[in-house]
Structure formats: structure tokens, C-alpha cells
Amino acid sequence: SMAANKIEGIRAALCHDTFSAQATREHNDA
């Protein structure tokens, strides 16, 4: 996640649960 987020246009989200996976797509357009 740290490496990917260094690249412009990337919104990489570290998720270890389904709530975070849903929220990051809905709110952050990861």
C-alpha cells in the first residue's frame, strides 16, 4: 500500500475486513 500510493492517480487501500473494503470503494473510490 505504501509503494502503490506513491504513484499519482493511485488510491490504494489496505483492508483486512469487509467493512473497510466497502467503505473505501464508496467513500474514497479506491
Full PDB file with SEQRES, HELIX, SHEET, SSBOND, CRYST1, ORIGX, SCALE, CONECT and MASTER records, all heavy atoms in Angstrom:
SEQRES   1 A   30  SER MET ALA ALA ASN LYS ILE GLU GLY ILE ARG ALA ALA          
SEQRES   2 A   30  LEU CYS HIS ASP THR PHE SER ALA GLN ALA THR ARG GLU          
SEQRES   3 A   30  HIS ASN ASP ALA                                              
HELIX    1 AA1 ALA A    4  LYS A    6  5                                   3    
HELIX    2 AA2 THR A   18  ASN A   28  1                                  11    
CRYST1    1.000    1.000    1.000  90.00  90.00  90.00 P 1           1          
ORIGX1      1.000000  0.000000  0.000000        0.00000                         
ORIGX2      0.000000  1.000000  0.000000        0.00000                         
ORIGX3      0.000000  0.000000  1.000000        0.00000                         
SCALE1      1.000000  0.000000  0.000000        0.00000                         
SCALE2      0.000000  1.000000  0.000000        0.00000                         
SCALE3      0.000000  0.000000  1.000000        0.00000                         
ATOM      1  N   SER A   1       0.832  -1.205   0.000  1.00  0.00           N  
ATOM      2  CA  SER A   1       0.000   0.000   0.000  1.00  0.00           C  
ATOM      3  C   SER A   1       0.867   1.256   0.000  1.00  0.00           C  
ATOM      4  O   SER A   1       0.559   2.236  -0.690  1.00  0.00           O  
ATOM      5  CB  SER A   1      -0.979   0.008   1.173  1.00  0.00           C  
ATOM      6  OG  SER A   1      -0.317   0.044   2.406  1.00  0.00           O  
ATOM      7  N   MET A   2       1.964   1.225   0.736  1.00  0.00           N  
ATOM      8  CA  MET A   2       2.854   2.386   0.763  1.00  0.00           C  
ATOM      9  C   MET A   2       3.478   2.623  -0.612  1.00  0.00           C  
ATOM     10  O   MET A   2       3.536   3.762  -1.088  1.00  0.00           O  
ATOM     11  CB  MET A   2       3.931   2.199   1.829  1.00  0.00           C  
ATOM     12  CG  MET A   2       3.353   2.206   3.238  1.00  0.00           C  
ATOM     13  SD  MET A   2       4.565   1.786   4.487  1.00  0.00           S  
ATOM     14  CE  MET A   2       5.411   3.342   4.625  1.00  0.00           C  
ATOM     15  N   ALA A   3       3.938   1.565  -1.246  1.00  0.00           N  
ATOM     16  CA  ALA A   3       4.576   1.695  -2.562  1.00  0.00           C  
ATOM     17  C   ALA A   3       3.574   2.161  -3.616  1.00  0.00           C  
ATOM     18  O   ALA A   3       3.873   3.063  -4.405  1.00  0.00           O  
ATOM     19  CB  ALA A   3       5.202   0.361  -2.971  1.00  0.00           C  
ATOM     20  N   ALA A   4       2.398   1.573  -3.638  1.00  0.00           N  
ATOM     21  CA  ALA A   4       1.398   1.928  -4.653  1.00  0.00           C  
ATOM     22  C   ALA A   4       0.941   3.368  -4.501  1.00  0.00           C  
ATOM     23  O   ALA A   4       0.750   4.082  -5.498  1.00  0.00           O  
ATOM     24  CB  ALA A   4       0.211   0.978  -4.580  1.00  0.00           C  
ATOM     25  N   ASN A   5       0.771   3.821  -3.271  1.00  0.00           N  
ATOM     26  CA  ASN A   5       0.270   5.180  -3.043  1.00  0.00           C  
ATOM     27  C   ASN A   5       1.280   6.266  -3.378  1.00  0.00           C  
ATOM     28  O   ASN A   5       0.925   7.448  -3.385  1.00  0.00           O  
ATOM     29  CB  ASN A   5      -0.238   5.333  -1.606  1.00  0.00           C  
ATOM     30  CG  ASN A   5      -1.649   4.806  -1.479  1.00  0.00           C  
ATOM     31  OD1 ASN A   5      -2.494   5.058  -2.323  1.00  0.00           O  
ATOM     32  ND2 ASN A   5      -1.896   4.053  -0.419  1.00  0.00           N  
ATOM     33  N   LYS A   6       2.496   5.905  -3.709  1.00  0.00           N  
ATOM     34  CA  LYS A   6       3.490   6.882  -4.171  1.00  0.00           C  
ATOM     35  C   LYS A   6       3.216   7.302  -5.623  1.00  0.00           C  
ATOM     36  O   LYS A   6       3.773   8.283  -6.096  1.00  0.00           O  
ATOM     37  CB  LYS A   6       4.905   6.304  -4.081  1.00  0.00           C  
ATOM     38  CG  LYS A   6       5.368   6.036  -2.680  1.00  0.00           C  
ATOM     39  CD  LYS A   6       5.703   7.316  -1.987  1.00  0.00           C  
ATOM     40  CE  LYS A   6       6.313   7.057  -0.621  1.00  0.00           C  
ATOM     41  NZ  LYS A   6       6.549   8.298   0.082  1.00  0.00           N  
ATOM     42  N   ILE A   7       2.367   6.559  -6.303  1.00  0.00           N  
ATOM     43  CA  ILE A   7       2.133   6.788  -7.731  1.00  0.00           C  
ATOM     44  C   ILE A   7       0.883   7.645  -7.922  1.00  0.00           C  
ATOM     45  O   ILE A   7      -0.187   7.322  -7.400  1.00  0.00           O  
ATOM     46  CB  ILE A   7       2.022   5.443  -8.466  1.00  0.00           C  
ATOM     47  CG1 ILE A   7       3.368   4.699  -8.308  1.00  0.00           C  
ATOM     48  CG2 ILE A   7       1.660   5.641  -9.924  1.00  0.00           C  
ATOM     49  CD1 ILE A   7       3.307   3.244  -8.570  1.00  0.00           C  
ATOM     50  N   GLU A   8       1.048   8.733  -8.659  1.00  0.00           N  
ATOM     51  CA  GLU A   8      -0.053   9.669  -8.883  1.00  0.00           C  
ATOM     52  C   GLU A   8      -1.244   8.950  -9.524  1.00  0.00           C  
ATOM     53  O   GLU A   8      -1.081   8.154 -10.446  1.00  0.00           O  
ATOM     54  CB  GLU A   8       0.397  10.814  -9.788  1.00  0.00           C  
ATOM     55  CG  GLU A   8      -0.646  11.904  -9.909  1.00  0.00           C  
ATOM     56  CD  GLU A   8      -0.163  13.116 -10.661  1.00  0.00           C  
ATOM     57  OE1 GLU A   8       1.057  13.279 -10.841  1.00  0.00           O  
ATOM     58  OE2 GLU A   8      -1.020  13.905 -11.077  1.00  0.00           O  
ATOM     59  N   GLY A   9      -2.424   9.248  -8.997  1.00  0.00           N  
ATOM     60  CA  GLY A   9      -3.644   8.648  -9.518  1.00  0.00           C  
ATOM     61  C   GLY A   9      -4.048   7.361  -8.836  1.00  0.00           C  
ATOM     62  O   GLY A   9      -5.114   6.823  -9.099  1.00  0.00           O  
ATOM     63  N   ILE A  10      -3.194   6.864  -7.958  1.00  0.00           N  
ATOM     64  CA  ILE A  10      -3.491   5.619  -7.247  1.00  0.00           C  
ATOM     65  C   ILE A  10      -4.059   5.939  -5.872  1.00  0.00           C  
ATOM     66  O   ILE A  10      -3.548   6.795  -5.149  1.00  0.00           O  
ATOM     67  CB  ILE A  10      -2.236   4.737  -7.125  1.00  0.00           C  
ATOM     68  CG1 ILE A  10      -1.767   4.291  -8.505  1.00  0.00           C  
ATOM     69  CG2 ILE A  10      -2.494   3.541  -6.208  1.00  0.00           C  
ATOM     70  CD1 ILE A  10      -2.811   3.534  -9.316  1.00  0.00           C  
ATOM     71  N   ARG A  11      -5.117   5.227  -5.552  1.00  0.00           N  
ATOM     72  CA  ARG A  11      -5.734   5.289  -4.232  1.00  0.00           C  
ATOM     73  C   ARG A  11      -5.799   3.846  -3.728  1.00  0.00           C  
ATOM     74  O   ARG A  11      -6.788   3.148  -3.943  1.00  0.00           O  
ATOM     75  CB  ARG A  11      -7.109   5.952  -4.299  1.00  0.00           C  
ATOM     76  CG  ARG A  11      -7.035   7.427  -4.664  1.00  0.00           C  
ATOM     77  CD  ARG A  11      -8.395   8.064  -4.836  1.00  0.00           C  
ATOM     78  NE  ARG A  11      -9.236   7.383  -5.814  1.00  0.00           N  
ATOM     79  CZ  ARG A  11      -9.124   7.516  -7.149  1.00  0.00           C  
ATOM     80  NH1 ARG A  11      -8.209   8.302  -7.670  1.00  0.00           N  
ATOM     81  NH2 ARG A  11      -9.940   6.860  -7.950  1.00  0.00           N  
ATOM     82  N   ALA A  12      -4.695   3.403  -3.136  1.00  0.00           N  
ATOM     83  CA  ALA A  12      -4.578   2.024  -2.652  1.00  0.00           C  
ATOM     84  C   ALA A  12      -4.998   1.974  -1.196  1.00  0.00           C  
ATOM     85  O   ALA A  12      -4.554   2.786  -0.390  1.00  0.00           O  
ATOM     86  CB  ALA A  12      -3.147   1.525  -2.811  1.00  0.00           C  
ATOM     87  N   ALA A  13      -5.839   1.016  -0.879  1.00  0.00           N  
ATOM     88  CA  ALA A  13      -6.358   0.890   0.485  1.00  0.00           C  
ATOM     89  C   ALA A  13      -5.994  -0.469   1.063  1.00  0.00           C  
ATOM     90  O   ALA A  13      -6.236  -1.505   0.441  1.00  0.00           O  
ATOM     91  CB  ALA A  13      -7.868   1.056   0.478  1.00  0.00           C  
ATOM     92  N   LEU A  14      -5.421  -0.443   2.249  1.00  0.00           N  
ATOM     93  CA  LEU A  14      -5.106  -1.657   2.986  1.00  0.00           C  
ATOM     94  C   LEU A  14      -6.360  -2.071   3.749  1.00  0.00           C  
ATOM     95  O   LEU A  14      -6.838  -1.326   4.608  1.00  0.00           O  
ATOM     96  CB  LEU A  14      -3.954  -1.397   3.952  1.00  0.00           C  
ATOM     97  CG  LEU A  14      -3.560  -2.522   4.898  1.00  0.00           C  
ATOM     98  CD1 LEU A  14      -3.146  -3.766   4.124  1.00  0.00           C  
ATOM     99  CD2 LEU A  14      -2.436  -2.055   5.810  1.00  0.00           C  
ATOM    100  N   CYS A  15      -6.892  -3.231   3.428  1.00  0.00           N  
ATOM    101  CA  CYS A  15      -8.140  -3.699   4.061  1.00  0.00           C  
ATOM    102  C   CYS A  15      -7.974  -5.125   4.558  1.00  0.00           C  
ATOM    103  O   CYS A  15      -7.543  -6.000   3.804  1.00  0.00           O  
ATOM    104  CB  CYS A  15      -9.299  -3.659   3.069  1.00  0.00           C  
ATOM    105  SG  CYS A  15      -9.697  -2.022   2.451  1.00  0.00           S  
ATOM    106  N   HIS A  16      -8.378  -5.329   5.809  1.00  0.00           N  
ATOM    107  CA  HIS A  16      -8.359  -6.664   6.371  1.00  0.00           C  
ATOM    108  C   HIS A  16      -9.735  -7.050   6.913  1.00  0.00           C  
ATOM    109  O   HIS A  16      -9.863  -7.966   7.717  1.00  0.00           O  
ATOM    110  CB  HIS A  16      -7.284  -6.770   7.467  1.00  0.00           C  
ATOM    111  CG  HIS A  16      -5.904  -6.707   6.907  1.00  0.00           C  
ATOM    112  ND1 HIS A  16      -4.887  -5.999   7.487  1.00  0.00           N  
ATOM    113  CD2 HIS A  16      -5.376  -7.252   5.792  1.00  0.00           C  
ATOM    114  CE1 HIS A  16      -3.793  -6.121   6.756  1.00  0.00           C  
ATOM    115  NE2 HIS A  16      -4.070  -6.876   5.720  1.00  0.00           N  
ATOM    116  N   ASP A  17     -10.764  -6.323   6.448  1.00  0.00           N  
ATOM    117  CA  ASP A  17     -12.142  -6.644   6.806  1.00  0.00           C  
ATOM    118  C   ASP A  17     -13.056  -6.127   5.699  1.00  0.00           C  
ATOM    119  O   ASP A  17     -12.672  -5.259   4.918  1.00  0.00           O  
ATOM    120  CB  ASP A  17     -12.519  -6.033   8.162  1.00  0.00           C  
ATOM    121  CG  ASP A  17     -12.396  -4.524   8.158  1.00  0.00           C  
ATOM    122  OD1 ASP A  17     -13.331  -3.850   7.680  1.00  0.00           O  
ATOM    123  OD2 ASP A  17     -11.353  -4.011   8.613  1.00  0.00           O  
ATOM    124  N   THR A  18     -14.261  -6.661   5.640  1.00  0.00           N  
ATOM    125  CA  THR A  18     -15.186  -6.292   4.560  1.00  0.00           C  
ATOM    126  C   THR A  18     -15.733  -4.882   4.716  1.00  0.00           C  
ATOM    127  O   THR A  18     -15.994  -4.214   3.717  1.00  0.00           O  
ATOM    128  CB  THR A  18     -16.343  -7.296   4.452  1.00  0.00           C  
ATOM    129  OG1 THR A  18     -17.030  -7.363   5.704  1.00  0.00           O  
ATOM    130  CG2 THR A  18     -15.839  -8.679   4.058  1.00  0.00           C  
ATOM    131  N   PHE A  19     -15.908  -4.403   5.954  1.00  0.00           N  
ATOM    132  CA  PHE A  19     -16.418  -3.049   6.139  1.00  0.00           C  
ATOM    133  C   PHE A  19     -15.467  -2.028   5.527  1.00  0.00           C  
ATOM    134  O   PHE A  19     -15.885  -1.107   4.829  1.00  0.00           O  
ATOM    135  CB  PHE A  19     -16.646  -2.731   7.621  1.00  0.00           C  
ATOM    136  CG  PHE A  19     -17.081  -1.302   7.827  1.00  0.00           C  
ATOM    137  CD1 PHE A  19     -18.389  -0.916   7.582  1.00  0.00           C  
ATOM    138  CD2 PHE A  19     -16.165  -0.342   8.224  1.00  0.00           C  
ATOM    139  CE1 PHE A  19     -18.781   0.410   7.728  1.00  0.00           C  
ATOM    140  CE2 PHE A  19     -16.543   0.988   8.385  1.00  0.00           C  
ATOM    141  CZ  PHE A  19     -17.865   1.363   8.130  1.00  0.00           C  
ATOM    142  N   SER A  20     -14.177  -2.176   5.787  1.00  0.00           N  
ATOM    143  CA  SER A  20     -13.186  -1.253   5.220  1.00  0.00           C  
ATOM    144  C   SER A  20     -13.163  -1.329   3.699  1.00  0.00           C  
ATOM    145  O   SER A  20     -13.030  -0.307   3.021  1.00  0.00           O  
ATOM    146  CB  SER A  20     -11.792  -1.564   5.770  1.00  0.00           C  
ATOM    147  OG  SER A  20     -11.753  -1.376   7.156  1.00  0.00           O  
ATOM    148  N   ALA A  21     -13.292  -2.532   3.154  1.00  0.00           N  
ATOM    149  CA  ALA A  21     -13.301  -2.698   1.702  1.00  0.00           C  
ATOM    150  C   ALA A  21     -14.502  -1.980   1.082  1.00  0.00           C  
ATOM    151  O   ALA A  21     -14.382  -1.315   0.044  1.00  0.00           O  
ATOM    152  CB  ALA A  21     -13.322  -4.180   1.340  1.00  0.00           C  
ATOM    153  N   GLN A  22     -15.651  -2.091   1.713  1.00  0.00           N  
ATOM    154  CA  GLN A  22     -16.849  -1.409   1.213  1.00  0.00           C  
ATOM    155  C   GLN A  22     -16.705   0.103   1.352  1.00  0.00           C  
ATOM    156  O   GLN A  22     -16.959   0.853   0.408  1.00  0.00           O  
ATOM    157  CB  GLN A  22     -18.085  -1.884   1.978  1.00  0.00           C  
ATOM    158  CG  GLN A  22     -19.357  -1.177   1.533  1.00  0.00           C  
ATOM    159  CD  GLN A  22     -20.575  -1.643   2.307  1.00  0.00           C  
ATOM    160  OE1 GLN A  22     -20.543  -2.674   2.980  1.00  0.00           O  
ATOM    161  NE2 GLN A  22     -21.645  -0.902   2.219  1.00  0.00           N  
ATOM    162  N   ALA A  23     -16.276   0.551   2.507  1.00  0.00           N  
ATOM    163  CA  ALA A  23     -16.170   1.989   2.762  1.00  0.00           C  
ATOM    164  C   ALA A  23     -15.154   2.662   1.846  1.00  0.00           C  
ATOM    165  O   ALA A  23     -15.389   3.772   1.356  1.00  0.00           O  
ATOM    166  CB  ALA A  23     -15.811   2.243   4.226  1.00  0.00           C  
ATOM    167  N   THR A  24     -14.026   1.994   1.590  1.00  0.00           N  
ATOM    168  CA  THR A  24     -13.011   2.634   0.760  1.00  0.00           C  
ATOM    169  C   THR A  24     -13.440   2.750  -0.692  1.00  0.00           C  
ATOM    170  O   THR A  24     -13.044   3.675  -1.389  1.00  0.00           O  
ATOM    171  CB  THR A  24     -11.635   1.955   0.905  1.00  0.00           C  
ATOM    172  OG1 THR A  24     -10.638   2.854   0.442  1.00  0.00           O  
ATOM    173  CG2 THR A  24     -11.560   0.647   0.139  1.00  0.00           C  
ATOM    174  N   ARG A  25     -14.256   1.834  -1.151  1.00  0.00           N  
ATOM    175  CA  ARG A  25     -14.792   1.967  -2.521  1.00  0.00           C  
ATOM    176  C   ARG A  25     -15.864   3.059  -2.557  1.00  0.00           C  
ATOM    177  O   ARG A  25     -15.870   3.905  -3.446  1.00  0.00           O  
ATOM    178  CB  ARG A  25     -15.379   0.642  -3.000  1.00  0.00           C  
ATOM    179  CG  ARG A  25     -14.334  -0.385  -3.359  1.00  0.00           C  
ATOM    180  CD  ARG A  25     -13.567  -0.066  -4.647  1.00  0.00           C  
ATOM    181  NE  ARG A  25     -14.501   0.057  -5.756  1.00  0.00           N  
ATOM    182  CZ  ARG A  25     -14.485   1.052  -6.651  1.00  0.00           C  
ATOM    183  NH1 ARG A  25     -13.581   2.003  -6.595  1.00  0.00           N  
ATOM    184  NH2 ARG A  25     -15.387   1.083  -7.615  1.00  0.00           N  
ATOM    185  N   GLU A  26     -16.787   3.042  -1.588  1.00  0.00           N  
ATOM    186  CA  GLU A  26     -17.885   4.019  -1.576  1.00  0.00           C  
ATOM    187  C   GLU A  26     -17.392   5.445  -1.341  1.00  0.00           C  
ATOM    188  O   GLU A  26     -17.861   6.365  -1.995  1.00  0.00           O  
ATOM    189  CB  GLU A  26     -18.899   3.668  -0.481  1.00  0.00           C  
ATOM    190  CG  GLU A  26     -19.765   2.491  -0.798  1.00  0.00           C  
ATOM    191  CD  GLU A  26     -20.735   2.163   0.320  1.00  0.00           C  
ATOM    192  OE1 GLU A  26     -20.628   2.735   1.438  1.00  0.00           O  
ATOM    193  OE2 GLU A  26     -21.610   1.311   0.080  1.00  0.00           O  
ATOM    194  N   HIS A  27     -16.477   5.635  -0.415  1.00  0.00           N  
ATOM    195  CA  HIS A  27     -16.076   6.976   0.014  1.00  0.00           C  
ATOM    196  C   HIS A  27     -14.804   7.488  -0.632  1.00  0.00           C  
ATOM    197  O   HIS A  27     -14.661   8.690  -0.832  1.00  0.00           O  
ATOM    198  CB  HIS A  27     -15.889   7.013   1.532  1.00  0.00           C  
ATOM    199  CG  HIS A  27     -17.142   6.728   2.282  1.00  0.00           C  
ATOM    200  ND1 HIS A  27     -17.221   6.885   3.648  1.00  0.00           N  
ATOM    201  CD2 HIS A  27     -18.363   6.290   1.893  1.00  0.00           C  
ATOM    202  CE1 HIS A  27     -18.439   6.553   4.052  1.00  0.00           C  
ATOM    203  NE2 HIS A  27     -19.141   6.179   3.003  1.00  0.00           N  
ATOM    204  N   ASN A  28     -13.842   6.591  -0.903  1.00  0.00           N  
ATOM    205  CA  ASN A  28     -12.535   7.015  -1.398  1.00  0.00           C  
ATOM    206  C   ASN A  28     -12.292   6.664  -2.854  1.00  0.00           C  
ATOM    207  O   ASN A  28     -11.257   7.023  -3.402  1.00  0.00           O  
ATOM    208  CB  ASN A  28     -11.412   6.387  -0.554  1.00  0.00           C  
ATOM    209  CG  ASN A  28     -11.612   6.601   0.922  1.00  0.00           C  
ATOM    210  OD1 ASN A  28     -11.858   5.647   1.649  1.00  0.00           O  
ATOM    211  ND2 ASN A  28     -11.535   7.834   1.372  1.00  0.00           N  
ATOM    212  N   ASP A  29     -13.205   5.930  -3.466  1.00  0.00           N  
ATOM    213  CA  ASP A  29     -13.035   5.462  -4.840  1.00  0.00           C  
ATOM    214  C   ASP A  29     -11.674   4.783  -5.000  1.00  0.00           C  
ATOM    215  O   ASP A  29     -10.961   4.997  -5.981  1.00  0.00           O  
ATOM    216  CB  ASP A  29     -13.201   6.609  -5.848  1.00  0.00           C  
ATOM    217  CG  ASP A  29     -13.451   6.121  -7.265  1.00  0.00           C  
ATOM    218  OD1 ASP A  29     -13.832   4.943  -7.444  1.00  0.00           O  
ATOM    219  OD2 ASP A  29     -13.253   6.925  -8.202  1.00  0.00           O  
ATOM    220  N   ALA A  30     -11.305   3.972  -4.007  1.00  0.00           N  
ATOM    221  CA  ALA A  30     -10.028   3.259  -4.053  1.00  0.00           C  
ATOM    222  C   ALA A  30      -9.965   2.428  -5.327  1.00  0.00           C  
ATOM    223  O   ALA A  30     -10.951   1.807  -5.727  1.00  0.00           O  
ATOM    224  CB  ALA A  30      -9.870   2.368  -2.828  1.00  0.00           C  
TER     225      ALA A  30                                                      
MASTER        0    0    0    2    0    0    0    6  224    1    0    3          
END                                                                             
